[in-house]
Amino acid sequence: MAGGILSETQPWQQVLALVLAATVVMGSPGPATISVTSVGAAFGLRPSLGYTSGVAVGTIAVLLAVATGIFGMLTSLPVLAPVLAIASAAYILFLAFKIATAPPLAERGSMATKPDFPGGFMLAVANPKAYVAIGAVFAGAASQADTLGVSTRLLVLAVMIVAIHVVWLLAGTAFARFLRHPLASRIINLVFAAMLVLTTALALR
């Protein structure tokens, strides 16, 4: 009996396992996370909050679509995958251009052209990697004997989505202090724009 009790997985252990899986799979570099970092580096923390919020909310929407089976139903439509891929690629190329051509922070007169909430939301829901990563984590957790329940798994993963994107944003804004120098600004922005295009190309393969 004691052996049986010790062999049982406790709820906190299940939550920890879910957090670790989300960190590794969902927190890895991809179009959404790299875009948040790139926007943070190019535009600074405060102007990037709207875009980052859009990405986080959009990714949570993807989580709900995967969990409720809506995504599985939509993937039965052959035209959906190419539409998502084209929409994601088109917006990311546009975003990469804006990042690559962003002026140094010291020369910013207006932030009217910064990426915003709708753009972040659109990128998140059209991001192929999000569906694959979230589907893998959610299905992996559901396939194990656990007592967490769907609602708890959704809550844990939603919190992880927000935390992951905040960390990537802060990582990007750490570069912002270098972006007041015109040459450093141009180099860093070009590097982030190239990384954004590269991670998108890899995700769409």
C-alpha atoms as a PDB file:
ATOM      1  CA  MET A   1       0.000   0.000   0.000  1.00  0.00           C
ATOM      2  CA  ALA A   2       2.837   2.368   0.882  1.00  0.00           C
ATOM      3  CA  GLY A   3       4.516   1.578  -2.398  1.00  0.00           C
ATOM      4  CA  GLY A   4       1.305   2.359  -4.257  1.00  0.00           C
ATOM      5  CA  ILE A   5       0.947   5.707  -2.506  1.00  0.00           C
ATOM      6  CA  LEU A   6       4.547   6.672  -3.246  1.00  0.00           C
ATOM      7  CA  SER A   7       4.169   5.680  -6.895  1.00  0.00           C
ATOM      8  CA  GLU A   8       1.213   7.998  -7.382  1.00  0.00           C
ATOM      9  CA  THR A   9       2.025  11.280  -9.087  1.00  0.00           C
ATOM     10  CA  GLN A  10       1.017  14.224  -6.920  1.00  0.00           C
ATOM     11  CA  PRO A  11      -0.863  17.201  -8.449  1.00  0.00           C
ATOM     12  CA  TRP A  12       2.057  19.574  -7.875  1.00  0.00           C
ATOM     13  CA  GLN A  13       4.328  17.156  -9.718  1.00  0.00           C
ATOM     14  CA  GLN A  14       1.896  17.073 -12.632  1.00  0.00           C
ATOM     15  CA  VAL A  15       1.793  20.869 -12.722  1.00  0.00           C
ATOM     16  CA  LEU A  16       5.592  21.014 -12.615  1.00  0.00           C
ATOM     17  CA  ALA A  17       5.847  18.504 -15.461  1.00  0.00           C
ATOM     18  CA  LEU A  18       3.363  20.559 -17.492  1.00  0.00           C
ATOM     19  CA  VAL A  19       5.296  23.780 -16.824  1.00  0.00           C
ATOM     20  CA  LEU A  20       8.579  22.166 -17.856  1.00  0.00           C
ATOM     21  CA  ALA A  21       7.039  20.751 -21.040  1.00  0.00           C
ATOM     22  CA  ALA A  22       5.534  24.128 -21.921  1.00  0.00           C
ATOM     23  CA  THR A  23       8.836  25.889 -21.271  1.00  0.00           C
ATOM     24  CA  VAL A  24      10.786  23.542 -23.534  1.00  0.00           C
ATOM     25  CA  VAL A  25       8.252  23.128 -26.357  1.00  0.00           C
ATOM     26  CA  MET A  26       6.256  26.371 -26.364  1.00  0.00           C
ATOM     27  CA  GLY A  27       9.087  28.588 -25.136  1.00  0.00           C
ATOM     28  CA  SER A  28      11.529  27.596 -27.862  1.00  0.00           C
ATOM     29  CA  PRO A  29      12.372  30.124 -30.605  1.00  0.00           C
ATOM     30  CA  GLY A  30       9.640  30.467 -33.195  1.00  0.00           C
ATOM     31  CA  PRO A  31       7.883  33.141 -35.259  1.00  0.00           C
ATOM     32  CA  ALA A  32       5.864  34.509 -32.322  1.00  0.00           C
ATOM     33  CA  THR A  33       8.588  34.513 -29.665  1.00  0.00           C
ATOM     34  CA  ILE A  34      11.269  35.877 -31.972  1.00  0.00           C
ATOM     35  CA  SER A  35       8.878  38.559 -33.244  1.00  0.00           C
ATOM     36  CA  VAL A  36       8.189  39.686 -29.656  1.00  0.00           C
ATOM     37  CA  THR A  37      11.925  39.875 -28.959  1.00  0.00           C
ATOM     38  CA  SER A  38      12.551  41.726 -32.216  1.00  0.00           C
ATOM     39  CA  VAL A  39       9.794  44.257 -31.600  1.00  0.00           C
ATOM     40  CA  GLY A  40      11.025  44.796 -28.038  1.00  0.00           C
ATOM     41  CA  ALA A  41      14.565  45.426 -29.270  1.00  0.00           C
ATOM     42  CA  ALA A  42      13.491  47.748 -32.068  1.00  0.00           C
ATOM     43  CA  PHE A  43      10.818  49.784 -30.282  1.00  0.00           C
ATOM     44  CA  GLY A  44      11.482  49.446 -26.544  1.00  0.00           C
ATOM     45  CA  LEU A  45       9.383  48.014 -23.707  1.00  0.00           C
ATOM     46  CA  ARG A  46       6.366  50.296 -23.416  1.00  0.00           C
ATOM     47  CA  PRO A  47       5.615  50.651 -27.164  1.00  0.00           C
ATOM     48  CA  SER A  48       5.864  46.851 -27.517  1.00  0.00           C
ATOM     49  CA  LEU A  49       3.335  45.955 -24.825  1.00  0.00           C
ATOM     50  CA  GLY A  50       0.349  46.164 -27.164  1.00  0.00           C
ATOM     51  CA  TYR A  51       1.921  43.874 -29.750  1.00  0.00           C
ATOM     52  CA  THR A  52       3.091  41.402 -27.089  1.00  0.00           C
ATOM     53  CA  SER A  53      -0.385  41.363 -25.524  1.00  0.00           C
ATOM     54  CA  GLY A  54      -1.846  40.578 -28.930  1.00  0.00           C
ATOM     55  CA  VAL A  55       0.553  37.667 -29.418  1.00  0.00           C
ATOM     56  CA  ALA A  56      -0.199  36.300 -25.939  1.00  0.00           C
ATOM     57  CA  VAL A  57      -3.981  36.588 -26.330  1.00  0.00           C
ATOM     58  CA  GLY A  58      -3.819  35.100 -29.821  1.00  0.00           C
ATOM     59  CA  THR A  59      -1.745  32.180 -28.561  1.00  0.00           C
ATOM     60  CA  ILE A  60      -4.255  31.568 -25.764  1.00  0.00           C
ATOM     61  CA  ALA A  61      -6.957  31.536 -28.458  1.00  0.00           C
ATOM     62  CA  VAL A  62      -4.930  28.854 -30.259  1.00  0.00           C
ATOM     63  CA  LEU A  63      -4.740  26.909 -26.987  1.00  0.00           C
ATOM     64  CA  LEU A  64      -8.520  27.020 -26.635  1.00  0.00           C
ATOM     65  CA  ALA A  65      -8.998  25.999 -30.267  1.00  0.00           C
ATOM     66  CA  VAL A  66      -6.705  23.011 -29.793  1.00  0.00           C
ATOM     67  CA  ALA A  67      -8.238  22.000 -26.446  1.00  0.00           C
ATOM     68  CA  THR A  68     -11.839  22.175 -27.626  1.00  0.00           C
ATOM     69  CA  GLY A  69     -11.182  20.344 -30.868  1.00  0.00           C
ATOM     70  CA  ILE A  70     -12.023  23.341 -33.044  1.00  0.00           C
ATOM     71  CA  PHE A  71      -8.593  23.237 -34.653  1.00  0.00           C
ATOM     72  CA  GLY A  72      -8.972  19.533 -35.403  1.00  0.00           C
ATOM     73  CA  MET A  73     -12.285  20.238 -37.099  1.00  0.00           C
ATOM     74  CA  LEU A  74     -10.859  23.128 -39.115  1.00  0.00           C
ATOM     75  CA  THR A  75      -7.859  21.112 -40.295  1.00  0.00           C
ATOM     76  CA  SER A  76     -10.275  18.812 -42.084  1.00  0.00           C
ATOM     77  CA  LEU A  77     -10.614  21.681 -44.562  1.00  0.00           C
ATOM     78  CA  PRO A  78      -7.705  21.251 -47.024  1.00  0.00           C
ATOM     79  CA  VAL A  79      -7.521  24.965 -47.777  1.00  0.00           C
ATOM     80  CA  LEU A  80      -6.922  26.044 -44.146  1.00  0.00           C
ATOM     81  CA  ALA A  81      -3.237  25.130 -43.772  1.00  0.00           C
ATOM     82  CA  PRO A  82      -2.059  27.030 -46.892  1.00  0.00           C
ATOM     83  CA  VAL A  83      -4.142  30.074 -45.916  1.00  0.00           C
ATOM     84  CA  LEU A  84      -2.625  30.137 -42.415  1.00  0.00           C
ATOM     85  CA  ALA A  85       0.876  29.682 -43.819  1.00  0.00           C
ATOM     86  CA  ILE A  86       0.476  32.465 -46.389  1.00  0.00           C
ATOM     87  CA  ALA A  87      -1.111  34.881 -43.896  1.00  0.00           C
ATOM     88  CA  SER A  88       1.595  34.205 -41.325  1.00  0.00           C
ATOM     89  CA  ALA A  89       4.446  34.520 -43.831  1.00  0.00           C
ATOM     90  CA  ALA A  90       3.054  37.728 -45.342  1.00  0.00           C
ATOM     91  CA  TYR A  91       2.639  39.478 -41.993  1.00  0.00           C
ATOM     92  CA  ILE A  92       6.023  38.308 -40.719  1.00  0.00           C
ATOM     93  CA  LEU A  93       7.765  39.623 -43.839  1.00  0.00           C
ATOM     94  CA  PHE A  94       5.993  42.953 -43.297  1.00  0.00           C
ATOM     95  CA  LEU A  95       6.985  42.931 -39.615  1.00  0.00           C
ATOM     96  CA  ALA A  96      10.593  42.031 -40.472  1.00  0.00           C
ATOM     97  CA  PHE A  97      10.719  45.008 -42.866  1.00  0.00           C
ATOM     98  CA  LYS A  98       9.420  47.363 -40.162  1.00  0.00           C
ATOM     99  CA  ILE A  99      11.991  46.064 -37.679  1.00  0.00           C
ATOM    100  CA  ALA A 100      14.874  46.233 -40.170  1.00  0.00           C
ATOM    101  CA  THR A 101      14.033  49.818 -41.138  1.00  0.00           C
ATOM    102  CA  ALA A 102      13.177  51.114 -37.640  1.00  0.00           C
ATOM    103  CA  PRO A 103      15.229  54.258 -36.834  1.00  0.00           C
ATOM    104  CA  PRO A 104      17.441  54.452 -33.726  1.00  0.00           C
ATOM    105  CA  LEU A 105      15.484  55.103 -30.526  1.00  0.00           C
ATOM    106  CA  ALA A 106      17.125  58.503 -30.139  1.00  0.00           C
ATOM    107  CA  GLU A 107      15.683  59.600 -33.491  1.00  0.00           C
ATOM    108  CA  ARG A 108      12.123  58.411 -32.893  1.00  0.00           C
ATOM    109  CA  GLY A 109       9.715  61.280 -33.252  1.00  0.00           C
ATOM    110  CA  SER A 110       6.560  59.210 -33.438  1.00  0.00           C
ATOM    111  CA  MET A 111       5.630  55.660 -32.516  1.00  0.00           C
ATOM    112  CA  ALA A 112       2.579  55.628 -34.806  1.00  0.00           C
ATOM    113  CA  THR A 113       4.014  52.868 -36.973  1.00  0.00           C
ATOM    114  CA  LYS A 114       4.892  50.479 -34.145  1.00  0.00           C
ATOM    115  CA  PRO A 115       3.386  46.962 -34.290  1.00  0.00           C
ATOM    116  CA  ASP A 116       0.111  46.823 -32.367  1.00  0.00           C
ATOM    117  CA  PHE A 117      -2.310  44.418 -30.652  1.00  0.00           C
ATOM    118  CA  PRO A 118      -4.239  43.363 -33.794  1.00  0.00           C
ATOM    119  CA  GLY A 119      -0.986  42.597 -35.606  1.00  0.00           C
ATOM    120  CA  GLY A 120       0.273  40.466 -32.719  1.00  0.00           C
ATOM    121  CA  PHE A 121      -3.040  38.629 -32.458  1.00  0.00           C
ATOM    122  CA  MET A 122      -3.105  37.929 -36.192  1.00  0.00           C
ATOM    123  CA  LEU A 123       0.433  36.583 -36.170  1.00  0.00           C
ATOM    124  CA  ALA A 124      -0.332  34.288 -33.225  1.00  0.00           C
ATOM    125  CA  VAL A 125      -3.463  32.706 -34.699  1.00  0.00           C
ATOM    126  CA  ALA A 126      -1.779  32.257 -38.090  1.00  0.00           C
ATOM    127  CA  ASN A 127       1.423  30.823 -36.600  1.00  0.00           C
ATOM    128  CA  PRO A 128       1.733  27.119 -37.568  1.00  0.00           C
ATOM    129  CA  LYS A 129       4.276  26.414 -34.813  1.00  0.00           C
ATOM    130  CA  ALA A 130       1.797  27.486 -32.142  1.00  0.00           C
ATOM    131  CA  TYR A 131      -0.711  24.785 -33.092  1.00  0.00           C
ATOM    132  CA  VAL A 132       1.947  22.082 -33.276  1.00  0.00           C
ATOM    133  CA  ALA A 133       3.669  23.058 -30.006  1.00  0.00           C
ATOM    134  CA  ILE A 134       0.472  23.591 -28.003  1.00  0.00           C
ATOM    135  CA  GLY A 135      -1.073  20.441 -29.436  1.00  0.00           C
ATOM    136  CA  ALA A 136       1.981  18.414 -28.428  1.00  0.00           C
ATOM    137  CA  VAL A 137       2.042  19.760 -24.871  1.00  0.00           C
ATOM    138  CA  PHE A 138      -1.715  19.494 -24.334  1.00  0.00           C
ATOM    139  CA  ALA A 139      -1.993  16.011 -25.815  1.00  0.00           C
ATOM    140  CA  GLY A 140       1.063  14.847 -23.888  1.00  0.00           C
ATOM    141  CA  ALA A 141      -0.462  15.979 -20.604  1.00  0.00           C
ATOM    142  CA  ALA A 142      -3.864  14.503 -21.430  1.00  0.00           C
ATOM    143  CA  SER A 143      -2.368  11.136 -22.390  1.00  0.00           C
ATOM    144  CA  GLN A 144      -0.971  10.608 -18.899  1.00  0.00           C
ATOM    145  CA  ALA A 145      -3.003   9.505 -15.905  1.00  0.00           C
ATOM    146  CA  ASP A 146      -3.474  12.773 -14.043  1.00  0.00           C
ATOM    147  CA  THR A 147      -5.984  14.421 -11.775  1.00  0.00           C
ATOM    148  CA  LEU A 148      -5.504  17.997 -12.926  1.00  0.00           C
ATOM    149  CA  GLY A 149      -8.443  18.161 -15.288  1.00  0.00           C
ATOM    150  CA  VAL A 150      -8.800  20.125 -18.508  1.00  0.00           C
ATOM    151  CA  SER A 151      -9.537  23.445 -16.797  1.00  0.00           C
ATOM    152  CA  THR A 152      -6.390  23.296 -14.687  1.00  0.00           C
ATOM    153  CA  ARG A 153      -4.253  22.353 -17.677  1.00  0.00           C
ATOM    154  CA  LEU A 154      -5.717  25.260 -19.644  1.00  0.00           C
ATOM    155  CA  LEU A 155      -5.057  27.689 -16.782  1.00  0.00           C
ATOM    156  CA  VAL A 156      -1.459  26.511 -16.320  1.00  0.00           C
ATOM    157  CA  LEU A 157      -0.724  26.707 -20.051  1.00  0.00           C
ATOM    158  CA  ALA A 158      -2.380  30.145 -20.359  1.00  0.00           C
ATOM    159  CA  VAL A 159      -0.187  31.482 -17.547  1.00  0.00           C
ATOM    160  CA  MET A 160       2.861  29.915 -19.202  1.00  0.00           C
ATOM    161  CA  ILE A 161       1.991  31.555 -22.536  1.00  0.00           C
ATOM    162  CA  VAL A 162       1.927  34.989 -20.906  1.00  0.00           C
ATOM    163  CA  ALA A 163       5.120  34.321 -18.909  1.00  0.00           C
ATOM    164  CA  ILE A 164       7.030  32.993 -21.933  1.00  0.00           C
ATOM    165  CA  HIS A 165       6.212  36.013 -24.085  1.00  0.00           C
ATOM    166  CA  VAL A 166       7.032  38.448 -21.277  1.00  0.00           C
ATOM    167  CA  VAL A 167      10.455  36.821 -20.885  1.00  0.00           C
ATOM    168  CA  TRP A 168      11.126  37.025 -24.635  1.00  0.00           C
ATOM    169  CA  LEU A 169      10.002  40.674 -24.631  1.00  0.00           C
ATOM    170  CA  LEU A 170      12.332  41.532 -21.756  1.00  0.00           C
ATOM    171  CA  ALA A 171      15.157  39.754 -23.554  1.00  0.00           C
ATOM    172  CA  GLY A 172      14.558  41.962 -26.575  1.00  0.00           C
ATOM    173  CA  THR A 173      14.298  45.192 -24.616  1.00  0.00           C
ATOM    174  CA  ALA A 174      17.662  44.399 -23.028  1.00  0.00           C
ATOM    175  CA  PHE A 175      19.124  45.334 -26.419  1.00  0.00           C
ATOM    176  CA  ALA A 176      17.229  48.636 -26.556  1.00  0.00           C
ATOM    177  CA  ARG A 177      19.928  50.557 -24.700  1.00  0.00           C
ATOM    178  CA  PHE A 178      22.302  49.815 -27.598  1.00  0.00           C
ATOM    179  CA  LEU A 179      19.833  51.126 -30.165  1.00  0.00           C
ATOM    180  CA  ARG A 180      20.497  54.823 -29.587  1.00  0.00           C
ATOM    181  CA  HIS A 181      23.689  54.471 -31.597  1.00  0.00           C
ATOM    182  CA  PRO A 182      22.723  54.520 -35.303  1.00  0.00           C
ATOM    183  CA  LEU A 183      25.161  51.819 -36.456  1.00  0.00           C
ATOM    184  CA  ALA A 184      24.422  49.454 -33.554  1.00  0.00           C
ATOM    185  CA  SER A 185      20.701  50.054 -34.053  1.00  0.00           C
ATOM    186  CA  ARG A 186      20.850  49.152 -37.722  1.00  0.00           C
ATOM    187  CA  ILE A 187      22.941  46.016 -37.145  1.00  0.00           C
ATOM    188  CA  ILE A 188      20.782  44.691 -34.293  1.00  0.00           C
ATOM    189  CA  ASN A 189      17.537  45.423 -36.120  1.00  0.00           C
ATOM    190  CA  LEU A 190      18.791  43.672 -39.265  1.00  0.00           C
ATOM    191  CA  VAL A 191      19.905  40.651 -37.230  1.00  0.00           C
ATOM    192  CA  PHE A 192      16.527  40.354 -35.512  1.00  0.00           C
ATOM    193  CA  ALA A 193      14.672  40.802 -38.795  1.00  0.00           C
ATOM    194  CA  ALA A 194      16.768  38.033 -40.377  1.00  0.00           C
ATOM    195  CA  MET A 195      16.175  35.758 -37.363  1.00  0.00           C
ATOM    196  CA  LEU A 196      12.438  36.378 -37.628  1.00  0.00           C
ATOM    197  CA  VAL A 197      12.372  35.414 -41.311  1.00  0.00           C
ATOM    198  CA  LEU A 198      14.588  32.365 -40.686  1.00  0.00           C
ATOM    199  CA  THR A 199      12.518  30.974 -37.796  1.00  0.00           C
ATOM    200  CA  THR A 200       9.359  31.476 -39.858  1.00  0.00           C
ATOM    201  CA  ALA A 201      10.848  29.627 -42.838  1.00  0.00           C
ATOM    202  CA  LEU A 202      11.836  26.745 -40.561  1.00  0.00           C
ATOM    203  CA  ALA A 203       8.366  26.631 -38.958  1.00  0.00           C
ATOM    204  CA  LEU A 204       6.653  26.525 -42.357  1.00  0.00           C
ATOM    205  CA  ARG A 205       8.778  23.656 -43.676  1.00  0.00           C
END
